[in-house]
Amino acid sequence: MPTPVRSNTQTVHYKRDWRVWWRLLRPHTLTAAFVPVSIGTVLAVDETPIHFPLFFAMLVASLFIQAATNMFNEYYDYKRGLDTPESVGIGGAIVRDGISPKTVLLLAWSFFAIAMLLGVYICVHSSWWLAVIGTICMAAGYFYTGGPVPIAYTPFGELAAGFFMGLTIILISFFIQTGTITSTPILVSVPISILVGAILLANNIRDLEGDKKSGRKTLAILLGRKRAISLLGGMFVTSFLWVVLLVFAKTISPWTLLVFLSVPKAWQATKGFIGKTRPIDMMPAMKATAQTNTQFGFLLVAGLFIHYWMQ
């Protein structure tokens, strides 16, 4: 955290270094963009040689959209008074690090602009219909916390995050390589979509009391803490069992069962919420949820890659 330095006029200035800007990106969330792009691309190997410039363009565009969404989240949580210096969580670039709200908003729109330019390149080499889909994805990123009725304030935050950051990105990544959509990327996207939603659910379990006071109607609030934790555990179980079913159906390789190496982290995440009520005490469980998503995703990519490499 930057050190505040008071001038003679009692104005607080902040010494900032690269770590402040790095935290603003919320880097641990960026795997939610990297993993789906990688999965969609690896699944395309069976259909066609990989077009690496398209892969990198899609990857960077997805990372910029994710980072911009994080910044919109930072900005609008501050504007609505949800972020304070005492808040527990990954935010705080404005209230704790002293970055101007206008700067955060400008960066968010700039990242969207870069993603749009990359999107033009992708469309030129695939289909202009993707421009419509990409615009909808960016709109979802903005309206997650922006607009008059933010998605994050409703019970549909987990569903929206899973749909756009799981299913949609995987299908786009597959399509730009192959020019078509098959059942395989749709089926493989299911556990990834669930685990992306699990990250949001874990965040909402942690912030349940504060969100309730601010008028939010998140899924965690509607279910209550105990049932929300049970749902989180069920989401983990469903994700792992789904991979088993796909393997038995011979949709994907048995190598993808490597994802079970992430079971201990999923158990740690679920167990870490039980009996906890203070946000600070639930931070390790929330981090473990994000780490489960990361480990599961990378292990799934590794399993798919090993299968194609050994053919």
Protein backbone atom coordinates (compact mmCIF):
# COMPACT_ATOMS: atom_id res chain seq x y z
CA MET A 1 0.00 0.00 0.00
CA PRO A 2 1.41 3.44 -0.90
CA THR A 3 2.53 5.67 1.91
CA PRO A 4 0.44 8.83 2.38
CA VAL A 5 2.52 11.97 2.76
CA ARG A 6 0.91 15.11 4.18
CA SER A 7 1.94 18.51 2.85
CA ASN A 8 1.79 21.70 4.86
CA THR A 9 -1.75 22.27 3.58
CA GLN A 10 -2.83 18.94 5.05
CA THR A 11 -3.60 17.59 1.57
CA VAL A 12 -2.83 13.90 1.35
CA HIS A 13 -0.58 12.89 -1.52
CA TYR A 14 0.35 9.32 -2.34
CA LYS A 15 3.59 7.79 -3.40
CA ARG A 16 2.59 5.36 -6.07
CA ASP A 17 4.62 2.65 -7.75
CA TRP A 18 3.80 0.03 -10.35
CA ARG A 19 2.21 -2.24 -7.73
CA VAL A 20 -0.68 0.18 -7.26
CA TRP A 21 -1.49 0.08 -10.97
CA TRP A 22 -0.98 -3.68 -11.01
CA ARG A 23 -3.50 -4.11 -8.18
CA LEU A 24 -5.94 -1.89 -10.09
CA LEU A 25 -5.94 -4.51 -12.85
CA ARG A 26 -6.90 -7.17 -10.25
CA PRO A 27 -4.45 -9.60 -11.88
CA HIS A 28 -5.75 -12.74 -10.18
CA THR A 29 -9.03 -12.29 -12.10
CA LEU A 30 -7.31 -12.16 -15.49
CA THR A 31 -7.02 -15.94 -15.67
CA ALA A 32 -10.81 -15.85 -16.14
CA ALA A 33 -9.98 -14.43 -19.59
CA PHE A 34 -6.83 -16.43 -20.33
CA VAL A 35 -8.23 -19.89 -19.58
CA PRO A 36 -11.36 -19.77 -21.83
CA VAL A 37 -9.38 -18.43 -24.80
CA SER A 38 -6.80 -21.19 -24.36
CA ILE A 39 -9.47 -23.90 -24.06
CA GLY A 40 -11.35 -22.77 -27.15
CA THR A 41 -8.11 -22.62 -29.12
CA VAL A 42 -6.78 -26.02 -28.02
CA LEU A 43 -10.14 -27.63 -28.85
CA ALA A 44 -9.79 -26.25 -32.39
CA VAL A 45 -6.56 -28.22 -32.98
CA ASP A 46 -8.57 -31.27 -34.10
CA GLU A 47 -10.22 -29.18 -36.80
CA THR A 48 -7.49 -26.95 -38.19
CA PRO A 49 -3.92 -25.66 -37.67
CA ILE A 50 -3.86 -22.87 -35.14
CA HIS A 51 -3.77 -19.31 -36.45
CA PHE A 52 -1.54 -17.85 -33.74
CA PRO A 53 -2.01 -14.14 -34.56
CA LEU A 54 -5.77 -14.64 -34.10
CA PHE A 55 -5.16 -16.51 -30.86
CA PHE A 56 -3.00 -13.71 -29.43
CA ALA A 57 -5.43 -11.01 -30.63
CA MET A 58 -8.32 -12.81 -28.94
CA LEU A 59 -6.29 -13.36 -25.78
CA VAL A 60 -5.18 -9.74 -25.45
CA ALA A 61 -8.66 -8.41 -26.28
CA SER A 62 -10.21 -10.65 -23.61
CA LEU A 63 -7.63 -9.55 -21.04
CA PHE A 64 -8.33 -5.88 -21.79
CA ILE A 65 -12.09 -6.41 -21.51
CA GLN A 66 -11.63 -8.19 -18.17
CA ALA A 67 -9.32 -5.46 -16.87
CA ALA A 68 -11.73 -2.74 -18.04
CA THR A 69 -14.62 -4.53 -16.30
CA ASN A 70 -12.57 -4.57 -13.10
CA MET A 71 -11.98 -0.84 -13.40
CA PHE A 72 -15.65 -0.08 -14.00
CA ASN A 73 -16.32 -2.15 -10.89
CA GLU A 74 -13.76 -0.08 -8.98
CA TYR A 75 -15.22 3.21 -10.20
CA TYR A 76 -18.92 2.51 -9.65
CA ASP A 77 -18.43 0.82 -6.27
CA TYR A 78 -16.65 4.02 -5.22
CA LYS A 79 -19.32 6.30 -6.70
CA ARG A 80 -22.07 4.39 -4.87
CA GLY A 81 -20.16 4.53 -1.58
CA LEU A 82 -19.56 0.78 -1.36
CA ASP A 83 -15.76 1.09 -1.23
CA THR A 84 -14.25 2.74 1.84
CA PRO A 85 -10.72 2.71 3.27
CA GLU A 86 -11.94 0.04 5.71
CA SER A 87 -13.43 -2.21 3.02
CA VAL A 88 -12.07 -5.74 2.79
CA GLY A 89 -11.35 -6.99 -0.70
CA ILE A 90 -9.33 -6.61 -3.86
CA GLY A 91 -10.56 -3.10 -4.67
CA GLY A 92 -9.32 0.12 -3.15
CA ALA A 93 -7.24 1.84 -5.84
CA ILE A 94 -9.39 4.93 -5.40
CA VAL A 95 -10.16 4.97 -1.66
CA ARG A 96 -6.87 3.52 -0.39
CA ASP A 97 -4.29 4.18 -3.10
CA GLY A 98 -5.44 7.67 -4.06
CA ILE A 99 -5.92 7.12 -7.79
CA SER A 100 -8.33 9.64 -9.30
CA PRO A 101 -11.78 8.21 -10.14
CA LYS A 102 -11.59 9.97 -13.52
CA THR A 103 -8.27 8.24 -14.22
CA VAL A 104 -9.78 4.83 -13.44
CA LEU A 105 -12.75 5.53 -15.72
CA LEU A 106 -10.50 6.82 -18.52
CA LEU A 107 -8.33 3.70 -18.31
CA ALA A 108 -11.41 1.49 -18.48
CA TRP A 109 -12.70 3.15 -21.65
CA SER A 110 -9.18 3.13 -23.14
CA PHE A 111 -8.92 -0.62 -22.54
CA PHE A 112 -12.29 -1.08 -24.24
CA ALA A 113 -11.01 0.94 -27.22
CA ILE A 114 -7.94 -1.29 -27.54
CA ALA A 115 -10.13 -4.39 -27.34
CA MET A 116 -12.33 -2.95 -30.12
CA LEU A 117 -9.33 -2.40 -32.40
CA LEU A 118 -8.22 -5.97 -31.82
CA GLY A 119 -11.81 -7.03 -32.48
CA VAL A 120 -11.69 -5.38 -35.89
CA TYR A 121 -8.61 -7.46 -36.77
CA ILE A 122 -10.39 -10.62 -35.57
CA CYS A 123 -13.51 -9.80 -37.60
CA VAL A 124 -11.50 -9.16 -40.77
CA HIS A 125 -10.07 -12.68 -40.50
CA SER A 126 -13.26 -14.46 -39.38
CA SER A 127 -16.76 -12.93 -39.39
CA TRP A 128 -18.22 -9.47 -38.83
CA TRP A 129 -20.98 -11.06 -36.78
CA LEU A 130 -18.38 -11.24 -34.03
CA ALA A 131 -18.50 -7.45 -33.85
CA VAL A 132 -22.05 -7.72 -32.55
CA ILE A 133 -21.15 -10.44 -30.06
CA GLY A 134 -18.05 -8.55 -28.90
CA THR A 135 -20.08 -5.37 -28.38
CA ILE A 136 -22.59 -7.31 -26.27
CA CYS A 137 -19.72 -8.76 -24.19
CA MET A 138 -18.29 -5.29 -23.54
CA ALA A 139 -21.74 -3.96 -22.69
CA ALA A 140 -22.12 -6.76 -20.16
CA GLY A 141 -18.75 -5.79 -18.66
CA TYR A 142 -19.89 -2.20 -18.28
CA PHE A 143 -23.38 -2.92 -17.00
CA TYR A 144 -22.10 -5.43 -14.47
CA THR A 145 -21.63 -2.51 -12.08
CA GLY A 146 -22.57 0.45 -14.28
CA GLY A 147 -25.94 1.71 -15.44
CA PRO A 148 -29.17 2.26 -13.49
CA VAL A 149 -29.63 -1.43 -12.56
CA PRO A 150 -26.19 -3.07 -12.33
CA ILE A 151 -26.13 -6.82 -12.94
CA ALA A 152 -23.98 -7.22 -9.82
CA TYR A 153 -26.87 -5.94 -7.70
CA THR A 154 -29.20 -8.69 -8.91
CA PRO A 155 -29.30 -12.50 -8.47
CA PHE A 156 -28.00 -12.88 -12.04
CA GLY A 157 -24.38 -11.80 -11.54
CA GLU A 158 -23.02 -15.35 -11.37
CA LEU A 159 -25.03 -16.42 -14.42
CA ALA A 160 -23.91 -13.43 -16.50
CA ALA A 161 -20.24 -13.86 -15.56
CA GLY A 162 -20.29 -17.58 -16.35
CA PHE A 163 -22.09 -17.06 -19.66
CA PHE A 164 -19.84 -14.31 -21.00
CA MET A 165 -16.48 -15.27 -19.43
CA GLY A 166 -16.97 -19.00 -19.91
CA LEU A 167 -19.24 -20.14 -22.72
CA THR A 168 -19.02 -17.07 -24.97
CA ILE A 169 -15.23 -16.65 -24.94
CA ILE A 170 -14.63 -20.36 -25.48
CA LEU A 171 -17.00 -20.44 -28.45
CA ILE A 172 -15.56 -17.28 -30.03
CA SER A 173 -12.01 -18.61 -29.60
CA PHE A 174 -13.02 -21.88 -31.24
CA PHE A 175 -14.96 -20.17 -34.04
CA ILE A 176 -12.21 -17.77 -35.14
CA GLN A 177 -9.93 -20.76 -35.65
CA THR A 178 -12.38 -23.16 -37.32
CA GLY A 179 -15.14 -20.99 -38.79
CA THR A 180 -17.77 -23.17 -37.14
CA ILE A 181 -19.19 -24.27 -33.77
CA THR A 182 -19.52 -27.90 -32.68
CA SER A 183 -20.98 -29.53 -29.59
CA THR A 184 -17.57 -30.18 -28.01
CA PRO A 185 -16.64 -26.58 -27.08
CA ILE A 186 -20.19 -26.04 -25.81
CA LEU A 187 -19.99 -29.08 -23.52
CA VAL A 188 -16.45 -28.30 -22.35
CA SER A 189 -17.44 -24.72 -21.51
CA VAL A 190 -19.93 -25.87 -18.86
CA PRO A 191 -17.50 -26.49 -15.94
CA ILE A 192 -15.51 -23.37 -16.79
CA SER A 193 -18.68 -21.27 -16.81
CA ILE A 194 -19.70 -22.74 -13.46
CA LEU A 195 -16.34 -21.98 -11.87
CA VAL A 196 -16.34 -18.40 -13.16
CA GLY A 197 -19.75 -18.00 -11.53
CA ALA A 198 -18.33 -19.55 -8.36
CA ILE A 199 -15.81 -16.72 -8.06
CA LEU A 200 -18.65 -14.20 -8.05
CA LEU A 201 -20.67 -16.27 -5.59
CA ALA A 202 -17.68 -16.48 -3.22
CA ASN A 203 -17.28 -12.70 -3.44
CA ASN A 204 -20.97 -12.20 -2.67
CA ILE A 205 -20.87 -14.61 0.27
CA ARG A 206 -18.02 -12.61 1.74
CA ASP A 207 -19.81 -9.28 1.18
CA LEU A 208 -23.28 -10.55 2.10
CA GLU A 209 -23.93 -8.28 5.07
CA GLY A 210 -22.54 -5.15 3.44
CA ASP A 211 -24.42 -5.83 0.20
CA LYS A 212 -27.64 -6.32 2.13
CA LYS A 213 -27.24 -2.92 3.78
CA SER A 214 -26.54 -1.25 0.43
CA GLY A 215 -29.72 -2.65 -1.10
CA ARG A 216 -28.23 -5.32 -3.33
CA LYS A 217 -30.26 -8.46 -4.07
CA THR A 218 -27.45 -10.91 -4.87
CA LEU A 219 -27.95 -14.65 -5.08
CA ALA A 220 -26.09 -15.07 -1.79
CA ILE A 221 -28.52 -12.70 -0.06
CA LEU A 222 -31.57 -14.46 -1.47
CA LEU A 223 -30.30 -17.91 -0.48
CA GLY A 224 -28.80 -16.97 2.87
CA ARG A 225 -25.23 -17.68 3.94
CA LYS A 226 -25.55 -21.42 4.67
CA ARG A 227 -27.38 -22.30 1.47
CA ALA A 228 -25.06 -20.09 -0.58
CA ILE A 229 -22.06 -21.99 0.80
CA SER A 230 -23.81 -25.27 -0.02
CA LEU A 231 -24.41 -24.01 -3.55
CA LEU A 232 -20.75 -23.09 -3.88
CA GLY A 233 -19.74 -26.60 -2.87
CA GLY A 234 -22.28 -28.02 -5.30
CA MET A 235 -20.82 -25.93 -8.12
CA PHE A 236 -17.39 -27.39 -7.46
CA VAL A 237 -18.75 -30.95 -7.39
CA THR A 238 -20.73 -30.41 -10.59
CA SER A 239 -17.68 -29.07 -12.42
CA PHE A 240 -15.54 -32.09 -11.58
CA LEU A 241 -18.31 -34.62 -12.30
CA TRP A 242 -19.03 -32.94 -15.63
CA VAL A 243 -15.47 -33.62 -16.77
CA VAL A 244 -15.84 -37.27 -15.71
CA LEU A 245 -19.03 -37.55 -17.76
CA LEU A 246 -17.34 -36.02 -20.81
CA VAL A 247 -14.48 -38.49 -20.49
CA PHE A 248 -16.86 -41.47 -20.22
CA ALA A 249 -18.76 -40.14 -23.24
CA LYS A 250 -15.42 -39.97 -25.09
CA THR A 251 -15.99 -36.30 -25.79
CA ILE A 252 -12.62 -35.38 -24.30
CA SER A 253 -9.46 -37.26 -23.38
CA PRO A 254 -8.90 -39.05 -20.04
CA TRP A 255 -5.91 -36.73 -19.68
CA THR A 256 -8.38 -34.00 -18.72
CA LEU A 257 -8.94 -35.84 -15.44
CA LEU A 258 -5.83 -33.94 -14.37
CA VAL A 259 -8.36 -31.34 -13.19
CA PHE A 260 -8.85 -33.48 -10.07
CA LEU A 261 -5.49 -32.21 -8.84
CA SER A 262 -7.37 -29.01 -7.99
CA VAL A 263 -9.85 -30.79 -5.68
CA PRO A 264 -7.89 -29.88 -2.49
CA LYS A 265 -8.14 -26.19 -3.36
CA ALA A 266 -11.90 -26.51 -3.97
CA TRP A 267 -12.29 -28.25 -0.60
CA GLN A 268 -10.26 -25.50 1.07
CA ALA A 269 -12.49 -22.86 -0.54
CA THR A 270 -15.76 -24.45 0.60
CA LYS A 271 -14.56 -25.32 4.09
CA GLY A 272 -13.09 -21.83 4.53
CA PHE A 273 -16.53 -20.21 4.43
CA ILE A 274 -18.19 -22.49 6.96
CA GLY A 275 -18.78 -20.81 10.31
CA LYS A 276 -17.30 -17.49 9.20
CA THR A 277 -19.20 -14.20 9.28
CA ARG A 278 -16.48 -11.52 9.16
CA PRO A 279 -15.31 -10.55 5.64
CA ILE A 280 -11.65 -10.58 6.69
CA ASP A 281 -11.97 -14.17 7.89
CA MET A 282 -13.45 -15.25 4.57
CA MET A 283 -10.72 -13.75 2.39
CA PRO A 284 -8.64 -16.99 2.30
CA ALA A 285 -11.71 -18.94 1.15
CA MET A 286 -12.47 -16.40 -1.55
CA LYS A 287 -8.87 -16.54 -2.79
CA ALA A 288 -9.03 -20.33 -2.77
CA THR A 289 -12.14 -20.15 -4.97
CA ALA A 290 -10.30 -18.05 -7.56
CA GLN A 291 -7.30 -20.40 -7.32
CA THR A 292 -9.58 -23.39 -7.92
CA ASN A 293 -10.79 -21.77 -11.13
CA THR A 294 -7.20 -21.09 -12.21
CA GLN A 295 -5.87 -24.56 -11.36
CA PHE A 296 -8.87 -26.36 -12.89
CA GLY A 297 -8.61 -24.29 -16.07
CA PHE A 298 -4.88 -24.72 -16.57
CA LEU A 299 -5.06 -28.45 -15.82
CA LEU A 300 -7.90 -28.82 -18.34
CA VAL A 301 -5.84 -26.99 -20.96
CA ALA A 302 -2.84 -29.18 -20.11
CA GLY A 303 -4.91 -32.36 -20.43
CA LEU A 304 -6.30 -31.32 -23.81
CA PHE A 305 -2.85 -30.31 -25.04
CA ILE A 306 -1.22 -33.57 -23.91
CA HIS A 307 -3.89 -35.53 -25.74
CA TYR A 308 -3.32 -33.71 -29.03
CA TRP A 309 0.47 -33.79 -28.60
CA MET A 310 0.46 -37.57 -28.13
CA GLN A 311 -1.68 -38.26 -31.20
